[in-house]
Amino acid sequence: MSVDTTTPTTTEAVVAVFRRVLESDDVTADSDFFLLGGDSLLATRVLSAIARGHGVELTFEDFVLAPTPQGLAELIAAAR
């Protein structure tokens, strides 16, 4: 039986990282990091937090292609 690893907890964890890095509570699962004012330097903080918290090394290109918490959660699940 397959287990869904894109649980809300993974998405919520990425939402929390976005909120912390962007210093904003206005982040939802489908919020675009770059439209919220994020830049490449802040993106590296998000990628670092994901690596520490989930044990998954995503690239900046991954981030650009999936700049939302839900998109990154799906990449985290695919990398496990």
C-alpha atoms as a PDB file:
ATOM      1  CA  MET A   1       0.000   0.000   0.000  1.00  0.00           C
ATOM      2  CA  SER A   2       1.285   3.462  -0.942  1.00  0.00           C
ATOM      3  CA  VAL A   3       1.517   6.171   1.665  1.00  0.00           C
ATOM      4  CA  ASP A   4       0.787   9.756   0.659  1.00  0.00           C
ATOM      5  CA  THR A   5       3.846  11.722   1.764  1.00  0.00           C
ATOM      6  CA  THR A   6       2.397  15.036   0.580  1.00  0.00           C
ATOM      7  CA  THR A   7       0.415  15.210   3.787  1.00  0.00           C
ATOM      8  CA  PRO A   8      -0.804  18.555   5.002  1.00  0.00           C
ATOM      9  CA  THR A   9       1.971  18.478   7.586  1.00  0.00           C
ATOM     10  CA  THR A  10       4.669  18.694   4.899  1.00  0.00           C
ATOM     11  CA  THR A  11       2.840  21.530   3.179  1.00  0.00           C
ATOM     12  CA  GLU A  12       2.164  23.259   6.498  1.00  0.00           C
ATOM     13  CA  ALA A  13       5.835  22.929   7.434  1.00  0.00           C
ATOM     14  CA  VAL A  14       6.847  24.638   4.186  1.00  0.00           C
ATOM     15  CA  VAL A  15       4.199  27.332   4.753  1.00  0.00           C
ATOM     16  CA  ALA A  16       5.782  27.942   8.175  1.00  0.00           C
ATOM     17  CA  VAL A  17       9.242  28.272   6.589  1.00  0.00           C
ATOM     18  CA  PHE A  18       7.897  30.761   4.022  1.00  0.00           C
ATOM     19  CA  ARG A  19       6.244  32.779   6.805  1.00  0.00           C
ATOM     20  CA  ARG A  20       9.439  32.862   8.852  1.00  0.00           C
ATOM     21  CA  VAL A  21      11.728  33.748   5.938  1.00  0.00           C
ATOM     22  CA  LEU A  22       9.365  36.332   4.433  1.00  0.00           C
ATOM     23  CA  GLU A  23       8.343  37.650   7.865  1.00  0.00           C
ATOM     24  CA  SER A  24       4.695  37.516   6.793  1.00  0.00           C
ATOM     25  CA  ASP A  25       1.623  35.633   7.934  1.00  0.00           C
ATOM     26  CA  ASP A  26       0.029  36.082   4.492  1.00  0.00           C
ATOM     27  CA  VAL A  27       1.223  32.716   3.169  1.00  0.00           C
ATOM     28  CA  THR A  28      -1.018  29.844   2.096  1.00  0.00           C
ATOM     29  CA  ALA A  29      -0.267  26.507   0.447  1.00  0.00           C
ATOM     30  CA  ASP A  30      -0.601  28.057  -3.021  1.00  0.00           C
ATOM     31  CA  SER A  31       1.268  31.327  -2.348  1.00  0.00           C
ATOM     32  CA  ASP A  32       4.027  32.099  -4.844  1.00  0.00           C
ATOM     33  CA  PHE A  33       7.220  32.866  -2.923  1.00  0.00           C
ATOM     34  CA  PHE A  34       8.475  35.355  -5.489  1.00  0.00           C
ATOM     35  CA  LEU A  35       5.152  37.199  -5.816  1.00  0.00           C
ATOM     36  CA  LEU A  36       5.224  37.652  -2.030  1.00  0.00           C
ATOM     37  CA  GLY A  37       8.526  39.503  -2.326  1.00  0.00           C
ATOM     38  CA  GLY A  38      10.959  36.615  -1.997  1.00  0.00           C
ATOM     39  CA  ASP A  39      14.246  36.755  -3.855  1.00  0.00           C
ATOM     40  CA  SER A  40      17.071  34.344  -4.624  1.00  0.00           C
ATOM     41  CA  LEU A  41      18.891  35.043  -1.349  1.00  0.00           C
ATOM     42  CA  LEU A  42      15.777  34.354   0.716  1.00  0.00           C
ATOM     43  CA  ALA A  43      15.096  31.277  -1.411  1.00  0.00           C
ATOM     44  CA  THR A  44      18.414  29.802  -0.289  1.00  0.00           C
ATOM     45  CA  ARG A  45      17.210  30.122   3.318  1.00  0.00           C
ATOM     46  CA  VAL A  46      14.044  28.206   2.421  1.00  0.00           C
ATOM     47  CA  LEU A  47      16.034  25.494   0.631  1.00  0.00           C
ATOM     48  CA  SER A  48      18.378  25.204   3.605  1.00  0.00           C
ATOM     49  CA  ALA A  49      15.456  24.871   6.027  1.00  0.00           C
ATOM     50  CA  ILE A  50      13.908  22.169   3.820  1.00  0.00           C
ATOM     51  CA  ALA A  51      17.207  20.267   3.744  1.00  0.00           C
ATOM     52  CA  ARG A  52      17.503  20.441   7.546  1.00  0.00           C
ATOM     53  CA  GLY A  53      13.865  19.680   8.291  1.00  0.00           C
ATOM     54  CA  HIS A  54      13.118  17.075   5.633  1.00  0.00           C
ATOM     55  CA  GLY A  55      16.497  15.683   4.632  1.00  0.00           C
ATOM     56  CA  VAL A  56      15.896  16.608   0.994  1.00  0.00           C
ATOM     57  CA  GLU A  57      18.274  18.723  -1.094  1.00  0.00           C
ATOM     58  CA  LEU A  58      16.250  20.715  -3.612  1.00  0.00           C
ATOM     59  CA  THR A  59      17.902  22.996  -6.158  1.00  0.00           C
ATOM     60  CA  PHE A  60      17.181  26.641  -6.859  1.00  0.00           C
ATOM     61  CA  GLU A  61      15.801  25.519 -10.223  1.00  0.00           C
ATOM     62  CA  ASP A  62      13.384  23.207  -8.366  1.00  0.00           C
ATOM     63  CA  PHE A  63      12.268  26.209  -6.350  1.00  0.00           C
ATOM     64  CA  VAL A  64      11.757  28.397  -9.431  1.00  0.00           C
ATOM     65  CA  LEU A  65       9.677  25.682 -11.105  1.00  0.00           C
ATOM     66  CA  ALA A  66       7.590  25.046  -7.956  1.00  0.00           C
ATOM     67  CA  PRO A  67       7.614  28.296  -5.939  1.00  0.00           C
ATOM     68  CA  THR A  68       4.672  27.440  -3.665  1.00  0.00           C
ATOM     69  CA  PRO A  69       4.584  25.472  -0.412  1.00  0.00           C
ATOM     70  CA  GLN A  70       2.390  22.819  -2.058  1.00  0.00           C
ATOM     71  CA  GLY A  71       4.723  22.536  -5.049  1.00  0.00           C
ATOM     72  CA  LEU A  72       7.779  22.178  -2.834  1.00  0.00           C
ATOM     73  CA  ALA A  73       5.969  19.630  -0.634  1.00  0.00           C
ATOM     74  CA  GLU A  74       5.320  17.543  -3.746  1.00  0.00           C
ATOM     75  CA  LEU A  75       9.024  17.726  -4.672  1.00  0.00           C
ATOM     76  CA  ILE A  76       9.960  16.704  -1.115  1.00  0.00           C
ATOM     77  CA  ALA A  77       7.637  13.700  -1.369  1.00  0.00           C
ATOM     78  CA  ALA A  78       9.031  12.726  -4.776  1.00  0.00           C
ATOM     79  CA  ALA A  79      12.606  12.887  -3.458  1.00  0.00           C
ATOM     80  CA  ARG A  80      11.942  10.511  -0.550  1.00  0.00           C
END
